[in-house]
């Protein structure tokens, strides 16, 4: 079995575009600023991240501008609590994509 760690990041434009018009999975606000924010926390290298390369598109969460800024403000690469929260939001976003029929 080949590890995703050694693969180029998976790009799913339809998955990321589906963030447009959604509420934020973290705060629930509908501000019109929601985007598919890519995970940047602990373990992101295992999810396809590299220097100047975002992780796999499925490692993203529907976040409003305010929440996106919160996660972009990592103080340290060892911020496990914030990273754990972001990963759970990524899982909620994947569940949303299934519910909305973006993923079948």
PDB file of N, CA and C in Angstrom:
ATOM      1  N   UNK A   1       0.842  -1.181   0.000  1.00  0.00           N
ATOM      2  CA  UNK A   1       0.000   0.000   0.000  1.00  0.00           C
ATOM      3  C   UNK A   1       0.887   1.243   0.000  1.00  0.00           C
ATOM      4  N   UNK A   2       0.632   2.160  -0.929  1.00  0.00           N
ATOM      5  CA  UNK A   2       1.427   3.369  -1.029  1.00  0.00           C
ATOM      6  C   UNK A   2       0.855   4.449  -0.112  1.00  0.00           C
ATOM      7  N   UNK A   3       1.703   5.106   0.628  1.00  0.00           N
ATOM      8  CA  UNK A   3       1.313   6.166   1.550  1.00  0.00           C
ATOM      9  C   UNK A   3       0.979   7.442   0.797  1.00  0.00           C
ATOM     10  N   UNK A   4      -0.062   8.150   1.256  1.00  0.00           N
ATOM     11  CA  UNK A   4      -0.377   9.455   0.686  1.00  0.00           C
ATOM     12  C   UNK A   4       0.736  10.451   0.971  1.00  0.00           C
ATOM     13  N   UNK A   5       1.564  10.146   1.961  1.00  0.00           N
ATOM     14  CA  UNK A   5       2.668  11.012   2.342  1.00  0.00           C
ATOM     15  C   UNK A   5       3.644  11.209   1.187  1.00  0.00           C
ATOM     16  N   UNK A   6       3.816  10.209   0.342  1.00  0.00           N
ATOM     17  CA  UNK A   6       4.775  10.281  -0.755  1.00  0.00           C
ATOM     18  C   UNK A   6       4.120  10.689  -2.071  1.00  0.00           C
ATOM     19  N   UNK A   7       2.861  10.990  -2.047  1.00  0.00           N
ATOM     20  CA  UNK A   7       2.114  11.354  -3.243  1.00  0.00           C
ATOM     21  C   UNK A   7       1.973  12.871  -3.357  1.00  0.00           C
ATOM     22  N   UNK A   8       1.823  13.395  -4.586  1.00  0.00           N
ATOM     23  CA  UNK A   8       1.498  14.817  -4.710  1.00  0.00           C
ATOM     24  C   UNK A   8       0.112  15.057  -4.099  1.00  0.00           C
ATOM     25  N   UNK A   9      -0.155  16.263  -3.625  1.00  0.00           N
ATOM     26  CA  UNK A   9      -1.453  16.545  -3.013  1.00  0.00           C
ATOM     27  C   UNK A   9      -2.620  16.273  -3.961  1.00  0.00           C
ATOM     28  N   UNK A  10      -3.689  15.729  -3.407  1.00  0.00           N
ATOM     29  CA  UNK A  10      -4.910  15.461  -4.159  1.00  0.00           C
ATOM     30  C   UNK A  10      -5.671  16.781  -4.324  1.00  0.00           C
ATOM     31  N   UNK A  11      -6.002  17.125  -5.541  1.00  0.00           N
ATOM     32  CA  UNK A  11      -6.750  18.347  -5.824  1.00  0.00           C
ATOM     33  C   UNK A  11      -8.173  17.991  -6.241  1.00  0.00           C
ATOM     34  N   UNK A  12      -9.129  18.580  -5.553  1.00  0.00           N
ATOM     35  CA  UNK A  12     -10.552  18.339  -5.787  1.00  0.00           C
ATOM     36  C   UNK A  12     -11.257  19.692  -5.899  1.00  0.00           C
ATOM     37  N   UNK A  13     -11.173  20.354  -7.060  1.00  0.00           N
ATOM     38  CA  UNK A  13     -11.744  21.698  -7.199  1.00  0.00           C
ATOM     39  C   UNK A  13     -13.214  21.788  -6.803  1.00  0.00           C
ATOM     40  N   UNK A  14     -14.000  20.775  -7.155  1.00  0.00           N
ATOM     41  CA  UNK A  14     -15.422  20.780  -6.813  1.00  0.00           C
ATOM     42  C   UNK A  14     -15.616  20.767  -5.291  1.00  0.00           C
ATOM     43  N   UNK A  15     -14.773  20.042  -4.583  1.00  0.00           N
ATOM     44  CA  UNK A  15     -14.835  19.954  -3.120  1.00  0.00           C
ATOM     45  C   UNK A  15     -14.571  21.319  -2.491  1.00  0.00           C
ATOM     46  N   UNK A  16     -13.518  21.993  -2.952  1.00  0.00           N
ATOM     47  CA  UNK A  16     -13.141  23.286  -2.386  1.00  0.00           C
ATOM     48  C   UNK A  16     -14.154  24.367  -2.764  1.00  0.00           C
ATOM     49  N   UNK A  17     -14.599  24.371  -4.029  1.00  0.00           N
ATOM     50  CA  UNK A  17     -15.579  25.371  -4.489  1.00  0.00           C
ATOM     51  C   UNK A  17     -16.900  25.280  -3.741  1.00  0.00           C
ATOM     52  N   UNK A  18     -17.222  24.091  -3.248  1.00  0.00           N
ATOM     53  CA  UNK A  18     -18.494  23.896  -2.539  1.00  0.00           C
ATOM     54  C   UNK A  18     -18.563  24.707  -1.244  1.00  0.00           C
ATOM     55  N   UNK A  19     -17.449  25.281  -0.808  1.00  0.00           N
ATOM     56  CA  UNK A  19     -17.439  26.126   0.399  1.00  0.00           C
ATOM     57  C   UNK A  19     -18.177  27.440   0.153  1.00  0.00           C
ATOM     58  N   UNK A  20     -18.199  27.900  -1.097  1.00  0.00           N
ATOM     59  CA  UNK A  20     -18.853  29.167  -1.419  1.00  0.00           C
ATOM     60  C   UNK A  20     -20.322  29.146  -1.018  1.00  0.00           C
ATOM     61  N   UNK A  21     -20.728  30.157  -0.264  1.00  0.00           N
ATOM     62  CA  UNK A  21     -22.120  30.279   0.150  1.00  0.00           C
ATOM     63  C   UNK A  21     -22.491  29.468   1.376  1.00  0.00           C
ATOM     64  N   UNK A  22     -21.535  28.707   1.917  1.00  0.00           N
ATOM     65  CA  UNK A  22     -21.805  27.891   3.112  1.00  0.00           C
ATOM     66  C   UNK A  22     -21.627  28.723   4.375  1.00  0.00           C
ATOM     67  N   UNK A  23     -22.205  28.232   5.456  1.00  0.00           N
ATOM     68  CA  UNK A  23     -21.921  28.810   6.764  1.00  0.00           C
ATOM     69  C   UNK A  23     -20.591  28.240   7.242  1.00  0.00           C
ATOM     70  N   UNK A  24     -19.979  28.919   8.167  1.00  0.00           N
ATOM     71  CA  UNK A  24     -18.713  28.464   8.740  1.00  0.00           C
ATOM     72  C   UNK A  24     -18.975  27.242   9.618  1.00  0.00           C
ATOM     73  N   UNK A  25     -18.183  26.182   9.460  1.00  0.00           N
ATOM     74  CA  UNK A  25     -18.389  24.980  10.281  1.00  0.00           C
ATOM     75  C   UNK A  25     -17.935  25.190  11.718  1.00  0.00           C
ATOM     76  N   UNK A  26     -17.193  26.246  11.983  1.00  0.00           N
ATOM     77  CA  UNK A  26     -16.722  26.500  13.349  1.00  0.00           C
ATOM     78  C   UNK A  26     -17.697  27.379  14.130  1.00  0.00           C
ATOM     79  N   UNK A  27     -18.051  28.534  13.579  1.00  0.00           N
ATOM     80  CA  UNK A  27     -18.885  29.482  14.331  1.00  0.00           C
ATOM     81  C   UNK A  27     -20.328  29.531  13.841  1.00  0.00           C
ATOM     82  N   UNK A  28     -20.585  28.979  12.648  1.00  0.00           N
ATOM     83  CA  UNK A  28     -21.940  28.950  12.108  1.00  0.00           C
ATOM     84  C   UNK A  28     -22.365  30.221  11.390  1.00  0.00           C
ATOM     85  N   UNK A  29     -21.510  31.230  11.362  1.00  0.00           N
ATOM     86  CA  UNK A  29     -21.866  32.494  10.719  1.00  0.00           C
ATOM     87  C   UNK A  29     -21.931  32.344   9.205  1.00  0.00           C
ATOM     88  N   UNK A  30     -22.811  33.137   8.614  1.00  0.00           N
ATOM     89  CA  UNK A  30     -22.935  33.213   7.156  1.00  0.00           C
ATOM     90  C   UNK A  30     -22.557  34.628   6.742  1.00  0.00           C
ATOM     91  N   UNK A  31     -21.269  34.858   6.605  1.00  0.00           N
ATOM     92  CA  UNK A  31     -20.772  36.205   6.331  1.00  0.00           C
ATOM     93  C   UNK A  31     -20.428  36.432   4.859  1.00  0.00           C
ATOM     94  N   UNK A  32     -20.510  35.392   4.047  1.00  0.00           N
ATOM     95  CA  UNK A  32     -20.122  35.507   2.648  1.00  0.00           C
ATOM     96  C   UNK A  32     -18.616  35.427   2.462  1.00  0.00           C
ATOM     97  N   UNK A  33     -17.881  35.152   3.536  1.00  0.00           N
ATOM     98  CA  UNK A  33     -16.417  35.060   3.461  1.00  0.00           C
ATOM     99  C   UNK A  33     -15.912  33.629   3.584  1.00  0.00           C
ATOM    100  N   UNK A  34     -16.829  32.665   3.611  1.00  0.00           N
ATOM    101  CA  UNK A  34     -16.439  31.270   3.823  1.00  0.00           C
ATOM    102  C   UNK A  34     -15.659  30.721   2.633  1.00  0.00           C
ATOM    103  N   UNK A  35     -14.540  30.098   2.945  1.00  0.00           N
ATOM    104  CA  UNK A  35     -13.689  29.455   1.935  1.00  0.00           C
ATOM    105  C   UNK A  35     -13.276  28.080   2.436  1.00  0.00           C
ATOM    106  N   UNK A  36     -12.778  27.264   1.541  1.00  0.00           N
ATOM    107  CA  UNK A  36     -12.202  25.973   1.925  1.00  0.00           C
ATOM    108  C   UNK A  36     -10.784  26.213   2.421  1.00  0.00           C
ATOM    109  N   UNK A  37     -10.623  26.329   3.738  1.00  0.00           N
ATOM    110  CA  UNK A  37      -9.315  26.621   4.344  1.00  0.00           C
ATOM    111  C   UNK A  37      -8.547  25.321   4.554  1.00  0.00           C
ATOM    112  N   UNK A  38      -7.347  25.250   4.023  1.00  0.00           N
ATOM    113  CA  UNK A  38      -6.530  24.043   4.117  1.00  0.00           C
ATOM    114  C   UNK A  38      -5.855  23.936   5.475  1.00  0.00           C
ATOM    115  N   UNK A  39      -5.844  22.728   6.008  1.00  0.00           N
ATOM    116  CA  UNK A  39      -5.231  22.419   7.298  1.00  0.00           C
ATOM    117  C   UNK A  39      -3.739  22.729   7.266  1.00  0.00           C
ATOM    118  N   UNK A  40      -3.247  23.375   8.321  1.00  0.00           N
ATOM    119  CA  UNK A  40      -1.843  23.749   8.398  1.00  0.00           C
ATOM    120  C   UNK A  40      -1.177  23.279   9.694  1.00  0.00           C
ATOM    121  N   UNK A  41      -1.858  22.468  10.473  1.00  0.00           N
ATOM    122  CA  UNK A  41      -1.360  22.109  11.791  1.00  0.00           C
ATOM    123  C   UNK A  41      -0.437  20.909  11.836  1.00  0.00           C
ATOM    124  N   UNK A  42      -0.327  20.359  13.033  1.00  0.00           N
ATOM    125  CA  UNK A  42       0.524  19.208  13.295  1.00  0.00           C
ATOM    126  C   UNK A  42       0.130  18.066  12.354  1.00  0.00           C
ATOM    127  N   UNK A  43       1.107  17.474  11.722  1.00  0.00           N
ATOM    128  CA  UNK A  43       0.849  16.357  10.818  1.00  0.00           C
ATOM    129  C   UNK A  43       0.472  16.769   9.410  1.00  0.00           C
ATOM    130  N   UNK A  44       0.495  18.064   9.101  1.00  0.00           N
ATOM    131  CA  UNK A  44       0.072  18.506   7.767  1.00  0.00           C
ATOM    132  C   UNK A  44       0.986  17.964   6.665  1.00  0.00           C
ATOM    133  N   UNK A  45       2.232  17.665   6.998  1.00  0.00           N
ATOM    134  CA  UNK A  45       3.130  17.069   5.997  1.00  0.00           C
ATOM    135  C   UNK A  45       2.615  15.717   5.547  1.00  0.00           C
ATOM    136  N   UNK A  46       1.965  14.992   6.454  1.00  0.00           N
ATOM    137  CA  UNK A  46       1.399  13.682   6.099  1.00  0.00           C
ATOM    138  C   UNK A  46       0.160  13.826   5.240  1.00  0.00           C
ATOM    139  N   UNK A  47      -0.356  15.044   5.136  1.00  0.00           N
ATOM    140  CA  UNK A  47      -1.550  15.313   4.336  1.00  0.00           C
ATOM    141  C   UNK A  47      -1.209  16.068   3.057  1.00  0.00           C
ATOM    142  N   UNK A  48       0.042  15.951   2.614  1.00  0.00           N
ATOM    143  CA  UNK A  48       0.435  16.509   1.327  1.00  0.00           C
ATOM    144  C   UNK A  48       1.067  17.883   1.366  1.00  0.00           C
ATOM    145  N   UNK A  49       1.145  18.517   2.528  1.00  0.00           N
ATOM    146  CA  UNK A  49       1.717  19.859   2.603  1.00  0.00           C
ATOM    147  C   UNK A  49       3.220  19.812   2.363  1.00  0.00           C
ATOM    148  N   UNK A  50       3.708  20.846   1.705  1.00  0.00           N
ATOM    149  CA  UNK A  50       5.134  21.008   1.471  1.00  0.00           C
ATOM    150  C   UNK A  50       5.437  22.492   1.434  1.00  0.00           C
ATOM    151  N   UNK A  51       6.654  22.841   1.191  1.00  0.00           N
ATOM    152  CA  UNK A  51       7.024  24.255   1.115  1.00  0.00           C
ATOM    153  C   UNK A  51       6.286  24.893  -0.060  1.00  0.00           C
ATOM    154  N   UNK A  52       5.402  25.813   0.248  1.00  0.00           N
ATOM    155  CA  UNK A  52       4.620  26.484  -0.785  1.00  0.00           C
ATOM    156  C   UNK A  52       3.518  25.624  -1.382  1.00  0.00           C
ATOM    157  N   UNK A  53       3.245  24.470  -0.776  1.00  0.00           N
ATOM    158  CA  UNK A  53       2.225  23.548  -1.296  1.00  0.00           C
ATOM    159  C   UNK A  53       1.182  23.307  -0.211  1.00  0.00           C
ATOM    160  N   UNK A  54      -0.078  23.504  -0.562  1.00  0.00           N
ATOM    161  CA  UNK A  54      -1.161  23.236   0.393  1.00  0.00           C
ATOM    162  C   UNK A  54      -1.380  21.733   0.502  1.00  0.00           C
ATOM    163  N   UNK A  55      -1.936  21.293   1.639  1.00  0.00           N
ATOM    164  CA  UNK A  55      -2.236  19.866   1.768  1.00  0.00           C
ATOM    165  C   UNK A  55      -3.359  19.433   0.817  1.00  0.00           C
ATOM    166  N   UNK A  56      -3.683  18.157   0.849  1.00  0.00           N
ATOM    167  CA  UNK A  56      -4.783  17.623   0.039  1.00  0.00           C
ATOM    168  C   UNK A  56      -6.029  18.486   0.236  1.00  0.00           C
ATOM    169  N   UNK A  57      -6.820  18.628  -0.815  1.00  0.00           N
ATOM    170  CA  UNK A  57      -8.035  19.439  -0.717  1.00  0.00           C
ATOM    171  C   UNK A  57      -9.043  18.865   0.268  1.00  0.00           C
ATOM    172  N   UNK A  58      -9.039  17.550   0.469  1.00  0.00           N
ATOM    173  CA  UNK A  58      -9.987  16.990   1.434  1.00  0.00           C
ATOM    174  C   UNK A  58      -9.579  17.292   2.871  1.00  0.00           C
ATOM    175  N   UNK A  59      -8.395  17.877   3.068  1.00  0.00           N
ATOM    176  CA  UNK A  59      -7.947  18.318   4.390  1.00  0.00           C
ATOM    177  C   UNK A  59      -8.214  19.817   4.505  1.00  0.00           C
ATOM    178  N   UNK A  60      -9.457  20.200   4.238  1.00  0.00           N
ATOM    179  CA  UNK A  60      -9.852  21.599   4.340  1.00  0.00           C
ATOM    180  C   UNK A  60     -11.198  21.691   5.038  1.00  0.00           C
ATOM    181  N   UNK A  61     -11.451  22.867   5.600  1.00  0.00           N
ATOM    182  CA  UNK A  61     -12.694  23.101   6.336  1.00  0.00           C
ATOM    183  C   UNK A  61     -13.340  24.380   5.830  1.00  0.00           C
ATOM    184  N   UNK A  62     -14.667  24.413   5.836  1.00  0.00           N
ATOM    185  CA  UNK A  62     -15.410  25.609   5.447  1.00  0.00           C
ATOM    186  C   UNK A  62     -15.325  26.621   6.587  1.00  0.00           C
ATOM    187  N   UNK A  63     -14.460  27.621   6.441  1.00  0.00           N
ATOM    188  CA  UNK A  63     -14.249  28.604   7.495  1.00  0.00           C
ATOM    189  C   UNK A  63     -14.508  30.020   6.985  1.00  0.00           C
ATOM    190  N   UNK A  64     -15.138  30.834   7.835  1.00  0.00           N
ATOM    191  CA  UNK A  64     -15.330  32.250   7.523  1.00  0.00           C
ATOM    192  C   UNK A  64     -13.980  32.949   7.666  1.00  0.00           C
ATOM    193  N   UNK A  65     -13.892  34.176   7.226  1.00  0.00           N
ATOM    194  CA  UNK A  65     -12.641  34.919   7.289  1.00  0.00           C
ATOM    195  C   UNK A  65     -12.067  35.020   8.691  1.00  0.00           C
ATOM    196  N   UNK A  66     -12.925  35.244   9.671  1.00  0.00           N
ATOM    197  CA  UNK A  66     -12.463  35.381  11.057  1.00  0.00           C
ATOM    198  C   UNK A  66     -11.869  34.074  11.588  1.00  0.00           C
ATOM    199  N   UNK A  67     -12.577  32.959  11.389  1.00  0.00           N
ATOM    200  CA  UNK A  67     -12.082  31.665  11.875  1.00  0.00           C
ATOM    201  C   UNK A  67     -10.851  31.222  11.095  1.00  0.00           C
ATOM    202  N   UNK A  68     -10.819  31.532   9.793  1.00  0.00           N
ATOM    203  CA  UNK A  68      -9.651  31.201   8.981  1.00  0.00           C
ATOM    204  C   UNK A  68      -8.425  31.928   9.536  1.00  0.00           C
ATOM    205  N   UNK A  69      -8.583  33.193   9.882  1.00  0.00           N
ATOM    206  CA  UNK A  69      -7.475  33.970  10.462  1.00  0.00           C
ATOM    207  C   UNK A  69      -7.017  33.366  11.781  1.00  0.00           C
ATOM    208  N   UNK A  70      -7.970  32.888  12.584  1.00  0.00           N
ATOM    209  CA  UNK A  70      -7.628  32.258  13.862  1.00  0.00           C
ATOM    210  C   UNK A  70      -6.707  31.064  13.640  1.00  0.00           C
ATOM    211  N   UNK A  71      -7.032  30.223  12.664  1.00  0.00           N
ATOM    212  CA  UNK A  71      -6.217  29.037  12.421  1.00  0.00           C
ATOM    213  C   UNK A  71      -4.917  29.372  11.701  1.00  0.00           C
ATOM    214  N   UNK A  72      -4.895  30.421  10.909  1.00  0.00           N
ATOM    215  CA  UNK A  72      -3.652  30.835  10.259  1.00  0.00           C
ATOM    216  C   UNK A  72      -2.687  31.442  11.265  1.00  0.00           C
ATOM    217  N   UNK A  73      -3.165  31.784  12.453  1.00  0.00           N
ATOM    218  CA  UNK A  73      -2.341  32.417  13.467  1.00  0.00           C
ATOM    219  C   UNK A  73      -1.654  31.454  14.409  1.00  0.00           C
ATOM    220  N   UNK A  74      -1.308  30.262  13.946  1.00  0.00           N
ATOM    221  CA  UNK A  74      -0.612  29.305  14.805  1.00  0.00           C
ATOM    222  C   UNK A  74       0.628  29.961  15.395  1.00  0.00           C
ATOM    223  N   UNK A  75       0.762  29.872  16.694  1.00  0.00           N
ATOM    224  CA  UNK A  75       1.945  30.406  17.368  1.00  0.00           C
ATOM    225  C   UNK A  75       3.101  29.412  17.286  1.00  0.00           C
ATOM    226  N   UNK A  76       2.769  28.135  17.204  1.00  0.00           N
ATOM    227  CA  UNK A  76       3.830  27.135  17.183  1.00  0.00           C
ATOM    228  C   UNK A  76       3.343  25.897  16.450  1.00  0.00           C
ATOM    229  N   UNK A  77       4.275  25.171  15.872  1.00  0.00           N
ATOM    230  CA  UNK A  77       3.921  23.940  15.161  1.00  0.00           C
ATOM    231  C   UNK A  77       3.420  22.876  16.131  1.00  0.00           C
ATOM    232  N   UNK A  78       3.599  23.090  17.425  1.00  0.00           N
ATOM    233  CA  UNK A  78       3.158  22.125  18.432  1.00  0.00           C
ATOM    234  C   UNK A  78       1.839  22.522  19.078  1.00  0.00           C
ATOM    235  N   UNK A  79       1.050  23.321  18.399  1.00  0.00           N
ATOM    236  CA  UNK A  79      -0.241  23.759  18.921  1.00  0.00           C
ATOM    237  C   UNK A  79      -1.265  22.651  18.644  1.00  0.00           C
ATOM    238  N   UNK A  80      -1.180  21.585  19.445  1.00  0.00           N
ATOM    239  CA  UNK A  80      -2.008  20.393  19.211  1.00  0.00           C
ATOM    240  C   UNK A  80      -3.500  20.658  19.372  1.00  0.00           C
ATOM    241  N   UNK A  81      -3.855  21.458  20.354  1.00  0.00           N
ATOM    242  CA  UNK A  81      -5.277  21.714  20.603  1.00  0.00           C
ATOM    243  C   UNK A  81      -5.942  22.379  19.408  1.00  0.00           C
ATOM    244  N   UNK A  82      -5.297  23.404  18.868  1.00  0.00           N
ATOM    245  CA  UNK A  82      -5.853  24.104  17.710  1.00  0.00           C
ATOM    246  C   UNK A  82      -5.839  23.181  16.488  1.00  0.00           C
ATOM    247  N   UNK A  83      -4.779  22.402  16.336  1.00  0.00           N
ATOM    248  CA  UNK A  83      -4.696  21.463  15.223  1.00  0.00           C
ATOM    249  C   UNK A  83      -5.786  20.406  15.297  1.00  0.00           C
ATOM    250  N   UNK A  84      -6.046  19.901  16.508  1.00  0.00           N
ATOM    251  CA  UNK A  84      -7.096  18.896  16.687  1.00  0.00           C
ATOM    252  C   UNK A  84      -8.449  19.483  16.314  1.00  0.00           C
ATOM    253  N   UNK A  85      -8.724  20.706  16.763  1.00  0.00           N
ATOM    254  CA  UNK A  85      -9.994  21.355  16.421  1.00  0.00           C
ATOM    255  C   UNK A  85     -10.122  21.501  14.907  1.00  0.00           C
ATOM    256  N   UNK A  86      -9.057  21.924  14.242  1.00  0.00           N
ATOM    257  CA  UNK A  86      -9.096  22.114  12.789  1.00  0.00           C
ATOM    258  C   UNK A  86      -9.370  20.787  12.085  1.00  0.00           C
ATOM    259  N   UNK A  87      -8.714  19.714  12.518  1.00  0.00           N
ATOM    260  CA  UNK A  87      -8.957  18.407  11.894  1.00  0.00           C
ATOM    261  C   UNK A  87     -10.406  17.967  12.053  1.00  0.00           C
ATOM    262  N   UNK A  88     -11.000  18.222  13.218  1.00  0.00           N
ATOM    263  CA  UNK A  88     -12.405  17.861  13.424  1.00  0.00           C
ATOM    264  C   UNK A  88     -13.313  18.684  12.506  1.00  0.00           C
ATOM    265  N   UNK A  89     -12.960  19.940  12.276  1.00  0.00           N
ATOM    266  CA  UNK A  89     -13.729  20.780  11.355  1.00  0.00           C
ATOM    267  C   UNK A  89     -13.585  20.285   9.920  1.00  0.00           C
ATOM    268  N   UNK A  90     -12.415  19.746   9.583  1.00  0.00           N
ATOM    269  CA  UNK A  90     -12.231  19.135   8.259  1.00  0.00           C
ATOM    270  C   UNK A  90     -13.173  17.936   8.105  1.00  0.00           C
ATOM    271  N   UNK A  91     -13.290  17.135   9.161  1.00  0.00           N
ATOM    272  CA  UNK A  91     -14.188  15.972   9.125  1.00  0.00           C
ATOM    273  C   UNK A  91     -15.646  16.419   8.988  1.00  0.00           C
ATOM    274  N   UNK A  92     -16.020  17.484   9.693  1.00  0.00           N
ATOM    275  CA  UNK A  92     -17.383  18.014   9.570  1.00  0.00           C
ATOM    276  C   UNK A  92     -17.639  18.513   8.150  1.00  0.00           C
ATOM    277  N   UNK A  93     -16.633  19.110   7.546  1.00  0.00           N
ATOM    278  CA  UNK A  93     -16.777  19.595   6.172  1.00  0.00           C
ATOM    279  C   UNK A  93     -16.952  18.425   5.208  1.00  0.00           C
ATOM    280  N   UNK A  94     -16.198  17.355   5.404  1.00  0.00           N
ATOM    281  CA  UNK A  94     -16.366  16.162   4.561  1.00  0.00           C
ATOM    282  C   UNK A  94     -17.781  15.611   4.718  1.00  0.00           C
ATOM    283  N   UNK A  95     -18.275  15.535   5.945  1.00  0.00           N
ATOM    284  CA  UNK A  95     -19.647  15.056   6.178  1.00  0.00           C
ATOM    285  C   UNK A  95     -20.650  15.960   5.463  1.00  0.00           C
ATOM    286  N   UNK A  96     -20.411  17.262   5.496  1.00  0.00           N
ATOM    287  CA  UNK A  96     -21.287  18.225   4.804  1.00  0.00           C
ATOM    288  C   UNK A  96     -21.308  17.941   3.313  1.00  0.00           C
ATOM    289  N   UNK A  97     -20.130  17.652   2.739  1.00  0.00           N
ATOM    290  CA  UNK A  97     -20.047  17.376   1.298  1.00  0.00           C
ATOM    291  C   UNK A  97     -20.836  16.118   0.922  1.00  0.00           C
ATOM    292  N   UNK A  98     -20.804  15.109   1.794  1.00  0.00           N
ATOM    293  CA  UNK A  98     -21.627  13.917   1.553  1.00  0.00           C
ATOM    294  C   UNK A  98     -23.099  14.261   1.626  1.00  0.00           C
ATOM    295  N   UNK A  99     -23.505  14.983   2.669  1.00  0.00           N
ATOM    296  CA  UNK A  99     -24.915  15.358   2.831  1.00  0.00           C
ATOM    297  C   UNK A  99     -25.417  16.181   1.655  1.00  0.00           C
ATOM    298  N   UNK A 100     -24.553  17.078   1.130  1.00  0.00           N
ATOM    299  CA  UNK A 100     -24.939  17.955   0.027  1.00  0.00           C
ATOM    300  C   UNK A 100     -24.811  17.285  -1.339  1.00  0.00           C
ATOM    301  N   UNK A 101     -24.303  16.050  -1.361  1.00  0.00           N
ATOM    302  CA  UNK A 101     -24.167  15.331  -2.630  1.00  0.00           C
ATOM    303  C   UNK A 101     -22.943  15.709  -3.446  1.00  0.00           C
ATOM    304  N   UNK A 102     -22.033  16.496  -2.880  1.00  0.00           N
ATOM    305  CA  UNK A 102     -20.807  16.856  -3.591  1.00  0.00           C
ATOM    306  C   UNK A 102     -19.916  15.616  -3.703  1.00  0.00           C
ATOM    307  N   UNK A 103     -19.916  14.803  -2.652  1.00  0.00           N
ATOM    308  CA  UNK A 103     -19.208  13.514  -2.648  1.00  0.00           C
ATOM    309  C   UNK A 103     -20.274  12.434  -2.617  1.00  0.00           C
ATOM    310  N   UNK A 104     -20.108  11.431  -3.469  1.00  0.00           N
ATOM    311  CA  UNK A 104     -21.079  10.337  -3.487  1.00  0.00           C
ATOM    312  C   UNK A 104     -20.390   9.037  -3.156  1.00  0.00           C
TER     313      UNK A 104
END
